Amino acid sequence: MSNPLALLQQRHSAPSRQLGEPAPDAATLRSLLEAAIRVPDHGKLVPFRLIELRGQDKLSFGEQLAERAIRRDPQLPESKREKERFRYTFAPLVMVVVGRLHDDAGIPEIEQKLCAGNVAYNILLGAYAQGFGAQWLTGWAAYDPEVAALLGLASNECVIGFVHIGTPQTDIPDRDRPALDDLLSQWKA
């Protein structure tokens, strides 16, 4: 490889609304996920797990989220109800990355969440490496206790993100990136 950092330098998110078929097939997805779970893990706690949403189950999930959104805000306009209903239907595959937190392990919660977040990022990076597009989204549903119950999360679990995966249906331009010189400093004694 002439530039081993090229993948990192070129990776960008593809909006979920612009992702369509195909998604990774079973073998490709397994390979992607096996690579994605190779993350730094202080204490070897494996503070994450994955939930796969596909096909009609994505629409059912969205319909239940729309019902929850209406309970949260009975005045929710119809356009927002529809947005909630169909939010998970564009990309053919949505991976829910779940943080599985261990209170009794002596490892700070933030480190466990960062570990799970690395899984989500590895899914993004791996999908891009395999020629797919992906977008990591959260939104209110990631933090709602009724949605957590709908997903079957235990009391020590939380949604880290919904990673939408598919094939970009249009060219997706990269966004402006920050300049390293604006972010980098050197500490001196």
N, C-alpha and C. Protein backbone atom coordinates (compact mmCIF):
# COMPACT_ATOMS: atom_id res chain seq x y z
N MET A 1 0.85 -1.17 0.00
CA MET A 1 0.00 0.00 0.00
C MET A 1 0.90 1.24 0.00
N SER A 2 0.73 2.09 -0.98
CA SER A 2 1.59 3.27 -1.09
C SER A 2 1.34 4.28 0.02
N ASN A 3 0.11 4.41 0.47
CA ASN A 3 -0.21 5.32 1.58
C ASN A 3 -1.06 4.56 2.58
N PRO A 4 -0.46 4.02 3.64
CA PRO A 4 -1.23 3.22 4.59
C PRO A 4 -2.30 4.00 5.34
N LEU A 5 -2.26 5.33 5.30
CA LEU A 5 -3.28 6.14 5.97
C LEU A 5 -4.40 6.58 5.04
N ALA A 6 -4.35 6.16 3.79
CA ALA A 6 -5.35 6.61 2.81
C ALA A 6 -6.78 6.32 3.25
N LEU A 7 -7.02 5.15 3.81
CA LEU A 7 -8.37 4.81 4.24
C LEU A 7 -8.88 5.81 5.28
N LEU A 8 -8.03 6.13 6.27
CA LEU A 8 -8.43 7.10 7.29
C LEU A 8 -8.61 8.49 6.70
N GLN A 9 -7.78 8.84 5.75
CA GLN A 9 -7.84 10.18 5.15
C GLN A 9 -9.04 10.36 4.23
N GLN A 10 -9.58 9.28 3.72
CA GLN A 10 -10.69 9.37 2.77
C GLN A 10 -12.04 9.02 3.36
N ARG A 11 -12.09 8.31 4.49
CA ARG A 11 -13.35 7.87 5.07
C ARG A 11 -14.27 9.05 5.35
N HIS A 12 -15.52 8.90 5.00
CA HIS A 12 -16.53 9.90 5.33
C HIS A 12 -17.87 9.18 5.48
N SER A 13 -18.76 9.82 6.19
CA SER A 13 -20.08 9.23 6.39
C SER A 13 -20.96 9.47 5.17
N ALA A 14 -21.84 8.54 4.93
CA ALA A 14 -22.84 8.66 3.87
C ALA A 14 -24.20 8.83 4.55
N PRO A 15 -24.94 9.88 4.25
CA PRO A 15 -26.24 10.07 4.89
C PRO A 15 -27.13 8.83 4.72
N SER A 16 -27.77 8.43 5.80
CA SER A 16 -28.57 7.20 5.78
C SER A 16 -29.64 7.23 4.69
N ARG A 17 -30.17 8.40 4.40
CA ARG A 17 -31.21 8.51 3.36
C ARG A 17 -30.66 8.24 1.96
N GLN A 18 -29.34 8.25 1.82
CA GLN A 18 -28.73 8.01 0.52
C GLN A 18 -28.11 6.62 0.42
N LEU A 19 -28.45 5.76 1.37
CA LEU A 19 -27.93 4.40 1.36
C LEU A 19 -29.02 3.43 0.92
N GLY A 20 -28.68 2.58 -0.02
CA GLY A 20 -29.64 1.58 -0.50
C GLY A 20 -28.98 0.22 -0.59
N GLU A 21 -29.66 -0.68 -1.28
CA GLU A 21 -29.12 -2.03 -1.51
C GLU A 21 -27.94 -1.93 -2.46
N PRO A 22 -27.00 -2.83 -2.35
CA PRO A 22 -26.97 -3.91 -1.39
C PRO A 22 -26.28 -3.50 -0.09
N ALA A 23 -26.61 -4.26 0.93
CA ALA A 23 -25.88 -4.22 2.19
C ALA A 23 -24.84 -5.33 2.13
N PRO A 24 -23.94 -5.38 3.07
CA PRO A 24 -23.01 -6.52 3.09
C PRO A 24 -23.78 -7.84 3.21
N ASP A 25 -23.34 -8.84 2.46
CA ASP A 25 -23.95 -10.16 2.62
C ASP A 25 -23.49 -10.75 3.96
N ALA A 26 -24.01 -11.90 4.31
CA ALA A 26 -23.76 -12.48 5.64
C ALA A 26 -22.27 -12.68 5.91
N ALA A 27 -21.54 -13.21 4.95
CA ALA A 27 -20.10 -13.47 5.17
C ALA A 27 -19.32 -12.16 5.28
N THR A 28 -19.66 -11.20 4.45
CA THR A 28 -18.98 -9.90 4.49
C THR A 28 -19.28 -9.18 5.79
N LEU A 29 -20.54 -9.22 6.23
CA LEU A 29 -20.91 -8.58 7.49
C LEU A 29 -20.20 -9.25 8.65
N ARG A 30 -20.14 -10.56 8.65
CA ARG A 30 -19.45 -11.27 9.75
C ARG A 30 -17.99 -10.85 9.80
N SER A 31 -17.35 -10.79 8.66
CA SER A 31 -15.95 -10.37 8.60
C SER A 31 -15.79 -8.94 9.12
N LEU A 32 -16.69 -8.06 8.70
CA LEU A 32 -16.68 -6.67 9.15
C LEU A 32 -16.83 -6.59 10.67
N LEU A 33 -17.80 -7.31 11.21
CA LEU A 33 -18.06 -7.23 12.65
C LEU A 33 -16.95 -7.88 13.47
N GLU A 34 -16.37 -8.97 12.96
CA GLU A 34 -15.24 -9.58 13.66
C GLU A 34 -14.07 -8.61 13.75
N ALA A 35 -13.86 -7.83 12.70
CA ALA A 35 -12.80 -6.82 12.73
C ALA A 35 -13.19 -5.66 13.64
N ALA A 36 -14.47 -5.27 13.60
CA ALA A 36 -14.93 -4.09 14.35
C ALA A 36 -14.82 -4.26 15.86
N ILE A 37 -14.93 -5.49 16.34
CA ILE A 37 -14.89 -5.69 17.79
C ILE A 37 -13.46 -5.80 18.34
N ARG A 38 -12.47 -5.63 17.48
CA ARG A 38 -11.06 -5.63 17.93
C ARG A 38 -10.71 -4.21 18.36
N VAL A 39 -11.10 -3.87 19.57
CA VAL A 39 -10.94 -2.51 20.08
C VAL A 39 -10.15 -2.51 21.39
N PRO A 40 -9.56 -1.37 21.75
CA PRO A 40 -8.95 -1.28 23.08
C PRO A 40 -10.03 -1.51 24.14
N ASP A 41 -9.74 -2.35 25.11
CA ASP A 41 -10.74 -2.76 26.09
C ASP A 41 -10.07 -2.93 27.45
N HIS A 42 -9.99 -1.83 28.20
CA HIS A 42 -9.38 -1.83 29.52
C HIS A 42 -10.13 -2.82 30.41
N GLY A 43 -9.40 -3.79 30.94
CA GLY A 43 -9.99 -4.79 31.82
C GLY A 43 -10.61 -5.97 31.08
N LYS A 44 -10.55 -5.96 29.75
CA LYS A 44 -11.13 -7.04 28.94
C LYS A 44 -12.57 -7.32 29.33
N LEU A 45 -13.35 -6.25 29.48
CA LEU A 45 -14.74 -6.37 29.92
C LEU A 45 -15.72 -6.69 28.79
N VAL A 46 -15.32 -6.41 27.57
CA VAL A 46 -16.22 -6.51 26.41
C VAL A 46 -17.51 -5.74 26.72
N PRO A 47 -17.38 -4.41 26.92
CA PRO A 47 -18.53 -3.62 27.32
C PRO A 47 -19.40 -3.18 26.13
N PHE A 48 -19.73 -4.12 25.29
CA PHE A 48 -20.55 -3.81 24.12
C PHE A 48 -21.20 -5.09 23.61
N ARG A 49 -22.24 -4.89 22.83
CA ARG A 49 -22.85 -5.96 22.05
C ARG A 49 -23.54 -5.30 20.86
N LEU A 50 -24.02 -6.11 19.94
CA LEU A 50 -24.58 -5.61 18.69
C LEU A 50 -25.97 -6.19 18.46
N ILE A 51 -26.85 -5.36 17.89
CA ILE A 51 -28.19 -5.80 17.49
C ILE A 51 -28.34 -5.44 16.02
N GLU A 52 -28.79 -6.38 15.23
CA GLU A 52 -28.96 -6.18 13.79
C GLU A 52 -30.44 -5.91 13.47
N LEU A 53 -30.68 -4.85 12.71
CA LEU A 53 -32.03 -4.54 12.23
C LEU A 53 -32.04 -4.63 10.71
N ARG A 54 -32.94 -5.43 10.17
CA ARG A 54 -33.05 -5.60 8.71
C ARG A 54 -34.52 -5.70 8.31
N GLY A 55 -34.75 -5.48 7.03
CA GLY A 55 -36.04 -5.75 6.41
C GLY A 55 -37.23 -5.14 7.13
N GLN A 56 -38.29 -5.92 7.23
CA GLN A 56 -39.54 -5.46 7.82
C GLN A 56 -39.37 -5.08 9.29
N ASP A 57 -38.38 -5.68 9.96
CA ASP A 57 -38.16 -5.36 11.37
C ASP A 57 -37.75 -3.90 11.55
N LYS A 58 -37.06 -3.33 10.58
CA LYS A 58 -36.70 -1.90 10.66
C LYS A 58 -37.95 -1.02 10.62
N LEU A 59 -38.91 -1.38 9.76
CA LEU A 59 -40.15 -0.61 9.68
C LEU A 59 -40.96 -0.76 10.96
N SER A 60 -41.02 -1.97 11.49
CA SER A 60 -41.73 -2.20 12.75
C SER A 60 -41.09 -1.39 13.87
N PHE A 61 -39.76 -1.39 13.92
CA PHE A 61 -39.04 -0.61 14.93
C PHE A 61 -39.39 0.87 14.78
N GLY A 62 -39.36 1.37 13.55
CA GLY A 62 -39.69 2.78 13.30
C GLY A 62 -41.12 3.12 13.68
N GLU A 63 -42.05 2.23 13.40
CA GLU A 63 -43.44 2.46 13.78
C GLU A 63 -43.59 2.57 15.29
N GLN A 64 -42.88 1.70 16.01
CA GLN A 64 -42.95 1.76 17.47
C GLN A 64 -42.26 3.02 18.01
N LEU A 65 -41.20 3.45 17.34
CA LEU A 65 -40.55 4.70 17.73
C LEU A 65 -41.48 5.88 17.48
N ALA A 66 -42.21 5.86 16.38
CA ALA A 66 -43.15 6.95 16.09
C ALA A 66 -44.23 7.00 17.17
N GLU A 67 -44.72 5.84 17.59
CA GLU A 67 -45.71 5.81 18.68
C GLU A 67 -45.13 6.39 19.96
N ARG A 68 -43.88 6.06 20.25
CA ARG A 68 -43.22 6.60 21.44
C ARG A 68 -43.04 8.11 21.31
N ALA A 69 -42.65 8.57 20.14
CA ALA A 69 -42.45 10.01 19.92
C ALA A 69 -43.76 10.77 20.14
N ILE A 70 -44.88 10.18 19.75
CA ILE A 70 -46.18 10.82 19.95
C ILE A 70 -46.53 10.85 21.43
N ARG A 71 -46.21 9.78 22.16
CA ARG A 71 -46.45 9.79 23.61
C ARG A 71 -45.60 10.86 24.29
N ARG A 72 -44.38 11.05 23.78
CA ARG A 72 -43.49 12.08 24.34
C ARG A 72 -44.02 13.48 24.04
N ASP A 73 -44.61 13.64 22.85
CA ASP A 73 -45.12 14.93 22.40
C ASP A 73 -46.40 14.72 21.59
N PRO A 74 -47.55 14.74 22.26
CA PRO A 74 -48.81 14.51 21.55
C PRO A 74 -49.08 15.53 20.43
N GLN A 75 -48.41 16.67 20.46
CA GLN A 75 -48.59 17.69 19.43
C GLN A 75 -47.59 17.53 18.27
N LEU A 76 -46.87 16.44 18.25
CA LEU A 76 -45.87 16.21 17.22
C LEU A 76 -46.51 16.31 15.83
N PRO A 77 -45.99 17.19 14.98
CA PRO A 77 -46.58 17.33 13.64
C PRO A 77 -46.48 16.03 12.83
N GLU A 78 -47.39 15.88 11.91
CA GLU A 78 -47.44 14.66 11.09
C GLU A 78 -46.12 14.43 10.35
N SER A 79 -45.48 15.50 9.89
CA SER A 79 -44.21 15.34 9.17
C SER A 79 -43.14 14.70 10.05
N LYS A 80 -43.12 15.07 11.32
CA LYS A 80 -42.13 14.48 12.24
C LYS A 80 -42.52 13.05 12.62
N ARG A 81 -43.82 12.78 12.68
CA ARG A 81 -44.28 11.41 12.93
C ARG A 81 -43.79 10.50 11.80
N GLU A 82 -43.95 10.98 10.56
CA GLU A 82 -43.51 10.20 9.41
C GLU A 82 -41.99 10.02 9.41
N LYS A 83 -41.28 11.07 9.80
CA LYS A 83 -39.82 10.98 9.87
C LYS A 83 -39.40 9.87 10.84
N GLU A 84 -40.04 9.83 12.00
CA GLU A 84 -39.72 8.79 12.98
C GLU A 84 -40.08 7.41 12.44
N ARG A 85 -41.22 7.31 11.77
CA ARG A 85 -41.70 6.03 11.26
C ARG A 85 -40.73 5.42 10.25
N PHE A 86 -40.14 6.26 9.41
CA PHE A 86 -39.32 5.75 8.31
C PHE A 86 -37.82 5.97 8.49
N ARG A 87 -37.41 6.52 9.61
CA ARG A 87 -36.00 6.86 9.86
C ARG A 87 -35.04 5.68 9.65
N TYR A 88 -35.47 4.48 9.96
CA TYR A 88 -34.59 3.31 9.90
C TYR A 88 -34.78 2.47 8.64
N THR A 89 -35.54 2.97 7.67
CA THR A 89 -35.89 2.15 6.51
C THR A 89 -35.02 2.42 5.29
N PHE A 90 -34.22 3.46 5.28
CA PHE A 90 -33.47 3.81 4.07
C PHE A 90 -32.32 2.85 3.83
N ALA A 91 -31.39 2.79 4.75
CA ALA A 91 -30.27 1.85 4.61
C ALA A 91 -30.79 0.43 4.80
N PRO A 92 -30.28 -0.52 4.04
CA PRO A 92 -30.79 -1.89 4.17
C PRO A 92 -30.39 -2.59 5.48
N LEU A 93 -29.41 -2.04 6.19
CA LEU A 93 -28.94 -2.66 7.43
C LEU A 93 -28.67 -1.56 8.45
N VAL A 94 -29.15 -1.78 9.66
CA VAL A 94 -28.83 -0.89 10.78
C VAL A 94 -28.29 -1.76 11.90
N MET A 95 -27.08 -1.43 12.32
CA MET A 95 -26.48 -2.12 13.46
C MET A 95 -26.63 -1.21 14.68
N VAL A 96 -27.22 -1.73 15.72
CA VAL A 96 -27.33 -1.00 16.98
C VAL A 96 -26.14 -1.41 17.83
N VAL A 97 -25.29 -0.44 18.14
CA VAL A 97 -24.14 -0.70 19.01
C VAL A 97 -24.59 -0.37 20.43
N VAL A 98 -24.49 -1.36 21.29
CA VAL A 98 -24.96 -1.25 22.67
C VAL A 98 -23.77 -1.24 23.61
N GLY A 99 -23.76 -0.27 24.52
CA GLY A 99 -22.78 -0.27 25.60
C GLY A 99 -23.29 -1.15 26.72
N ARG A 100 -22.45 -2.04 27.19
CA ARG A 100 -22.80 -2.97 28.27
C ARG A 100 -21.87 -2.66 29.43
N LEU A 101 -22.35 -1.84 30.37
CA LEU A 101 -21.49 -1.25 31.39
C LEU A 101 -21.41 -2.13 32.64
N HIS A 102 -20.19 -2.22 33.15
CA HIS A 102 -19.91 -3.05 34.32
C HIS A 102 -19.54 -2.12 35.48
N ASP A 103 -20.49 -1.93 36.40
CA ASP A 103 -20.26 -1.03 37.54
C ASP A 103 -19.23 -1.57 38.53
N ASP A 104 -19.13 -2.87 38.62
CA ASP A 104 -18.31 -3.49 39.65
C ASP A 104 -16.90 -3.84 39.19
N ALA A 105 -16.50 -3.38 38.02
CA ALA A 105 -15.22 -3.81 37.45
C ALA A 105 -14.06 -2.87 37.79
N GLY A 106 -14.36 -1.72 38.36
CA GLY A 106 -13.30 -0.77 38.67
C GLY A 106 -12.79 -0.01 37.45
N ILE A 107 -13.43 -0.16 36.32
CA ILE A 107 -13.07 0.57 35.09
C ILE A 107 -14.07 1.70 34.93
N PRO A 108 -13.61 2.94 34.79
CA PRO A 108 -14.56 4.05 34.67
C PRO A 108 -15.55 3.85 33.52
N GLU A 109 -16.80 4.28 33.75
CA GLU A 109 -17.85 4.15 32.76
C GLU A 109 -17.46 4.79 31.43
N ILE A 110 -16.81 5.94 31.49
CA ILE A 110 -16.42 6.62 30.26
C ILE A 110 -15.51 5.74 29.40
N GLU A 111 -14.60 5.01 30.03
CA GLU A 111 -13.71 4.13 29.27
C GLU A 111 -14.50 3.00 28.61
N GLN A 112 -15.50 2.49 29.30
CA GLN A 112 -16.33 1.43 28.74
C GLN A 112 -17.15 1.95 27.56
N LYS A 113 -17.70 3.16 27.69
CA LYS A 113 -18.47 3.75 26.59
C LYS A 113 -17.56 4.07 25.41
N LEU A 114 -16.36 4.53 25.69
CA LEU A 114 -15.42 4.80 24.59
C LEU A 114 -15.06 3.51 23.86
N CYS A 115 -14.92 2.43 24.60
CA CYS A 115 -14.64 1.13 23.98
C CYS A 115 -15.78 0.77 23.02
N ALA A 116 -17.01 0.88 23.49
CA ALA A 116 -18.16 0.59 22.63
C ALA A 116 -18.23 1.56 21.46
N GLY A 117 -17.88 2.82 21.70
CA GLY A 117 -17.85 3.80 20.62
C GLY A 117 -16.82 3.45 19.57
N ASN A 118 -15.71 2.86 20.00
CA ASN A 118 -14.71 2.41 19.03
C ASN A 118 -15.26 1.29 18.14
N VAL A 119 -16.13 0.46 18.69
CA VAL A 119 -16.77 -0.57 17.87
C VAL A 119 -17.61 0.10 16.78
N ALA A 120 -18.39 1.11 17.17
CA ALA A 120 -19.23 1.82 16.19
C ALA A 120 -18.35 2.45 15.11
N TYR A 121 -17.25 3.08 15.53
CA TYR A 121 -16.37 3.70 14.54
C TYR A 121 -15.71 2.66 13.64
N ASN A 122 -15.31 1.55 14.22
CA ASN A 122 -14.72 0.49 13.40
C ASN A 122 -15.72 -0.05 12.37
N ILE A 123 -17.00 -0.09 12.73
CA ILE A 123 -18.01 -0.51 11.76
C ILE A 123 -18.06 0.50 10.61
N LEU A 124 -18.04 1.79 10.94
CA LEU A 124 -18.02 2.82 9.89
C LEU A 124 -16.80 2.66 8.99
N LEU A 125 -15.64 2.55 9.62
CA LEU A 125 -14.39 2.45 8.87
C LEU A 125 -14.34 1.16 8.05
N GLY A 126 -14.75 0.07 8.65
CA GLY A 126 -14.74 -1.21 7.94
C GLY A 126 -15.73 -1.24 6.79
N ALA A 127 -16.90 -0.65 6.98
CA ALA A 127 -17.88 -0.59 5.88
C ALA A 127 -17.29 0.19 4.72
N TYR A 128 -16.66 1.32 5.01
CA TYR A 128 -16.04 2.13 3.96
C TYR A 128 -14.93 1.33 3.26
N ALA A 129 -14.13 0.62 4.04
CA ALA A 129 -13.04 -0.17 3.47
C ALA A 129 -13.56 -1.25 2.52
N GLN A 130 -14.77 -1.75 2.80
CA GLN A 130 -15.37 -2.79 1.96
C GLN A 130 -16.19 -2.22 0.80
N GLY A 131 -16.20 -0.90 0.66
CA GLY A 131 -16.91 -0.28 -0.46
C GLY A 131 -18.35 0.09 -0.17
N PHE A 132 -18.75 0.04 1.09
CA PHE A 132 -20.11 0.42 1.48
C PHE A 132 -20.09 1.83 2.07
N GLY A 133 -21.26 2.37 2.26
CA GLY A 133 -21.40 3.63 2.97
C GLY A 133 -22.02 3.36 4.32
N ALA A 134 -21.77 4.25 5.26
CA ALA A 134 -22.34 4.08 6.60
C ALA A 134 -22.46 5.42 7.29
N GLN A 135 -23.41 5.50 8.21
CA GLN A 135 -23.58 6.70 9.03
C GLN A 135 -23.95 6.27 10.45
N TRP A 136 -23.27 6.87 11.42
CA TRP A 136 -23.52 6.62 12.84
C TRP A 136 -24.45 7.71 13.33
N LEU A 137 -25.65 7.32 13.77
CA LEU A 137 -26.65 8.28 14.26
C LEU A 137 -27.07 7.91 15.68
N THR A 138 -27.52 8.92 16.39
CA THR A 138 -28.09 8.69 17.72
C THR A 138 -29.51 9.27 17.72
N GLY A 139 -29.67 10.52 18.13
CA GLY A 139 -31.00 11.10 18.24
C GLY A 139 -31.64 10.72 19.56
N TRP A 140 -32.83 11.23 19.78
CA TRP A 140 -33.51 11.03 21.06
C TRP A 140 -33.70 9.55 21.38
N ALA A 141 -33.91 8.72 20.36
CA ALA A 141 -34.19 7.30 20.60
C ALA A 141 -33.03 6.59 21.29
N ALA A 142 -31.82 7.06 21.08
CA ALA A 142 -30.66 6.42 21.70
C ALA A 142 -30.64 6.61 23.21
N TYR A 143 -31.40 7.59 23.71
CA TYR A 143 -31.34 7.94 25.13
C TYR A 143 -32.67 7.71 25.85
N ASP A 144 -33.63 7.15 25.16
CA ASP A 144 -34.97 7.00 25.72
C ASP A 144 -35.11 5.63 26.39
N PRO A 145 -35.57 5.60 27.66
CA PRO A 145 -35.68 4.32 28.36
C PRO A 145 -36.70 3.36 27.75
N GLU A 146 -37.77 3.88 27.14
CA GLU A 146 -38.74 2.98 26.51
C GLU A 146 -38.16 2.35 25.25
N VAL A 147 -37.33 3.09 24.52
CA VAL A 147 -36.67 2.52 23.34
C VAL A 147 -35.67 1.46 23.78
N ALA A 148 -34.97 1.73 24.88
CA ALA A 148 -34.04 0.74 25.42
C ALA A 148 -34.78 -0.55 25.76
N ALA A 149 -35.96 -0.42 26.36
CA ALA A 149 -36.76 -1.60 26.69
C ALA A 149 -37.23 -2.31 25.41
N LEU A 150 -37.63 -1.54 24.41
CA LEU A 150 -38.05 -2.10 23.12
C LEU A 150 -36.93 -2.94 22.50
N LEU A 151 -35.70 -2.47 22.64
CA LEU A 151 -34.55 -3.19 22.10
C LEU A 151 -34.11 -4.36 22.99
N GLY A 152 -34.71 -4.48 24.17
CA GLY A 152 -34.35 -5.57 25.07
C GLY A 152 -33.08 -5.31 25.86
N LEU A 153 -32.75 -4.02 26.06
CA LEU A 153 -31.54 -3.69 26.79
C LEU A 153 -31.74 -3.94 28.29
N ALA A 154 -30.69 -4.42 28.93
CA ALA A 154 -30.69 -4.62 30.37
C ALA A 154 -30.46 -3.27 31.05
N SER A 155 -30.63 -3.23 32.36
CA SER A 155 -30.51 -1.96 33.09
C SER A 155 -29.10 -1.37 33.02
N ASN A 156 -28.10 -2.20 32.75
CA ASN A 156 -26.72 -1.71 32.66
C ASN A 156 -26.30 -1.43 31.21
N GLU A 157 -27.27 -1.41 30.29
CA GLU A 157 -26.94 -1.20 28.88
C GLU A 157 -27.51 0.12 28.37
N CYS A 158 -26.87 0.62 27.32
CA CYS A 158 -27.31 1.87 26.68
C CYS A 158 -26.97 1.81 25.19
N VAL A 159 -27.73 2.56 24.40
CA VAL A 159 -27.45 2.65 22.97
C VAL A 159 -26.28 3.60 22.78
N ILE A 160 -25.25 3.14 22.12
CA ILE A 160 -24.11 3.97 21.73
C ILE A 160 -24.41 4.64 20.39
N GLY A 161 -25.07 3.91 19.51
CA GLY A 161 -25.44 4.48 18.23
C GLY A 161 -26.10 3.47 17.32
N PHE A 162 -26.79 4.04 16.33
CA PHE A 162 -27.40 3.26 15.26
C PHE A 162 -26.53 3.47 14.03
N VAL A 163 -25.87 2.43 13.55
CA VAL A 163 -24.98 2.55 12.40
C VAL A 163 -25.72 2.01 11.18
N HIS A 164 -26.08 2.92 10.28
CA HIS A 164 -26.81 2.59 9.06
C HIS A 164 -25.78 2.23 7.98
N ILE A 165 -25.98 1.09 7.32
CA ILE A 165 -25.01 0.58 6.34
C ILE A 165 -25.72 0.19 5.05
N GLY A 166 -25.14 0.57 3.94
CA GLY A 166 -25.66 0.19 2.63
C GLY A 166 -24.72 0.66 1.55
N THR A 167 -25.24 0.78 0.37
CA THR A 167 -24.46 1.25 -0.77
C THR A 167 -24.91 2.66 -1.11
N PRO A 168 -23.98 3.62 -1.16
CA PRO A 168 -24.38 4.99 -1.52
C PRO A 168 -25.06 4.99 -2.90
N GLN A 169 -26.18 5.68 -2.98
CA GLN A 169 -26.94 5.74 -4.22
C GLN A 169 -26.54 6.95 -5.07
N THR A 170 -25.74 7.84 -4.50
CA THR A 170 -25.22 9.01 -5.22
C THR A 170 -23.79 9.26 -4.75
N ASP A 171 -23.07 10.08 -5.48
CA ASP A 171 -21.75 10.49 -5.02
C ASP A 171 -21.93 11.36 -3.78
N ILE A 172 -21.13 11.11 -2.78
CA ILE A 172 -21.24 11.83 -1.52
C ILE A 172 -19.97 12.64 -1.32
N PRO A 173 -20.08 13.96 -1.44
CA PRO A 173 -18.89 14.78 -1.26
C PRO A 173 -18.45 14.78 0.20
N ASP A 174 -17.16 14.91 0.39
CA ASP A 174 -16.63 15.01 1.75
C ASP A 174 -16.98 16.38 2.30
N ARG A 175 -17.05 16.50 3.60
CA ARG A 175 -17.32 17.78 4.24
C ARG A 175 -16.00 18.46 4.58
N ASP A 176 -16.06 19.73 4.91
CA ASP A 176 -14.86 20.44 5.36
C ASP A 176 -14.37 19.80 6.65
N ARG A 177 -13.08 19.68 6.76
CA ARG A 177 -12.47 19.09 7.95
C ARG A 177 -11.67 20.15 8.69
N PRO A 178 -11.53 20.02 10.01
CA PRO A 178 -10.75 21.00 10.77
C PRO A 178 -9.27 20.93 10.40
N ALA A 179 -8.60 22.04 10.58
CA ALA A 179 -7.16 22.09 10.33
C ALA A 179 -6.42 21.60 11.58
N LEU A 180 -5.51 20.69 11.38
CA LEU A 180 -4.75 20.14 12.51
C LEU A 180 -4.06 21.23 13.30
N ASP A 181 -3.52 22.25 12.64
CA ASP A 181 -2.81 23.32 13.34
C ASP A 181 -3.71 24.07 14.33
N ASP A 182 -5.02 24.05 14.10
CA ASP A 182 -5.96 24.70 15.03
C ASP A 182 -6.24 23.84 16.25
N LEU A 183 -5.85 22.59 16.22
CA LEU A 183 -6.18 21.64 17.27
C LEU A 183 -4.99 21.13 18.08
N LEU A 184 -3.81 21.25 17.52
CA LEU A 184 -2.62 20.64 18.10
C LEU A 184 -1.80 21.65 18.89
N SER A 185 -1.44 21.27 20.08
CA SER A 185 -0.53 22.08 20.89
C SER A 185 0.49 21.14 21.52
N GLN A 186 1.48 21.73 22.12
CA GLN A 186 2.50 20.93 22.79
C GLN A 186 2.63 21.42 24.21
N TRP A 187 2.50 20.48 25.15
CA TRP A 187 2.65 20.82 26.56
C TRP A 187 4.13 20.88 26.88
N LYS A 188 4.50 21.89 27.64
CA LYS A 188 5.90 22.01 28.09
C LYS A 188 5.91 22.27 29.59
N ALA A 189 6.90 21.73 30.23
CA ALA A 189 7.04 21.91 31.67
C ALA A 189 7.53 23.32 31.98
